[in-house]
Amino acid sequence: GRLVLVTTWSPRPWLRAAFDALAAAVPDAFAGLHATDPRPELAEAGWRPGHAAVLRRGYPSLVVLARRA
């Protein structure tokens, strides 16, 4: 199988910290807003992470393609 994940993420550490701070400050609205790179967890779950791309326009995101190992 194939899997595509899109997560909140930025190559800028200060922006990732801002996402985490916002989630902590307003948990009712932003509880799930955490800058996450899912590749280690995907590999642990039996998926082979492949292509990954950072989206810099719009909402900073990381798109990861994975295949079942």
Protein backbone atom coordinates (compact mmCIF):
# COMPACT_ATOMS: atom_id res chain seq x y z
CA GLY A 1 0.00 0.00 0.00
CA ARG A 2 0.86 3.65 -0.19
CA LEU A 3 0.39 6.41 2.31
CA VAL A 4 0.67 10.18 2.00
CA LEU A 5 0.85 12.27 5.17
CA VAL A 6 0.69 16.03 5.42
CA THR A 7 1.75 17.46 8.77
CA THR A 8 2.38 20.89 10.19
CA TRP A 9 6.13 21.42 9.93
CA SER A 10 8.74 23.99 9.02
CA PRO A 11 12.50 23.80 8.53
CA ARG A 12 12.71 26.83 10.83
CA PRO A 13 13.06 25.79 14.49
CA TRP A 14 11.52 29.04 15.75
CA LEU A 15 8.37 28.42 13.71
CA ARG A 16 8.05 24.82 14.97
CA ALA A 17 8.37 26.20 18.52
CA ALA A 18 5.66 28.77 17.76
CA PHE A 19 3.27 25.99 16.67
CA ASP A 20 3.89 24.13 19.92
CA ALA A 21 3.46 27.31 21.99
CA LEU A 22 0.16 28.10 20.27
CA ALA A 23 -1.12 24.57 20.93
CA ALA A 24 -0.21 24.91 24.62
CA ALA A 25 -1.68 28.42 24.97
CA VAL A 26 -5.03 27.68 23.29
CA PRO A 27 -5.56 23.91 23.58
CA ASP A 28 -9.29 24.03 22.80
CA ALA A 29 -8.61 25.44 19.35
CA PHE A 30 -5.10 24.18 18.56
CA ALA A 31 -4.57 21.00 20.60
CA GLY A 32 -3.42 19.02 17.57
CA LEU A 33 -1.13 21.71 16.19
CA HIS A 34 2.35 20.33 16.71
CA ALA A 35 5.22 20.51 14.25
CA THR A 36 5.84 16.84 13.46
CA ASP A 37 8.11 14.89 11.16
CA PRO A 38 6.36 11.48 11.00
CA ARG A 39 9.15 9.56 9.22
CA PRO A 40 10.63 7.85 12.31
CA GLU A 41 7.20 6.68 13.46
CA LEU A 42 6.28 5.49 9.97
CA ALA A 43 9.42 3.36 9.78
CA GLU A 44 8.73 1.97 13.24
CA ALA A 45 5.21 1.00 12.13
CA GLY A 46 6.47 -0.94 9.12
CA TRP A 47 6.23 1.77 6.44
CA ARG A 48 9.14 2.84 4.23
CA PRO A 49 9.22 6.64 4.11
CA GLY A 50 10.21 7.85 0.67
CA HIS A 51 9.88 11.23 -0.94
CA ALA A 52 9.33 14.17 1.41
CA ALA A 53 8.71 17.79 0.46
CA VAL A 54 8.40 20.95 2.52
CA LEU A 55 5.57 23.24 1.43
CA ARG A 56 6.65 26.81 2.05
CA ARG A 57 3.64 28.58 0.54
CA GLY A 58 0.48 28.84 2.55
CA TYR A 59 0.47 26.76 5.71
CA PRO A 60 3.99 25.42 6.44
CA SER A 61 3.72 21.67 5.96
CA LEU A 62 5.71 18.51 5.37
CA VAL A 63 4.35 16.02 2.82
CA VAL A 64 5.69 12.47 3.14
CA LEU A 65 5.09 9.54 0.79
CA ALA A 66 5.52 6.07 2.33
CA ARG A 67 5.10 2.53 1.11
CA ARG A 68 4.32 -0.61 3.06
CA ALA A 69 7.58 -2.45 3.77
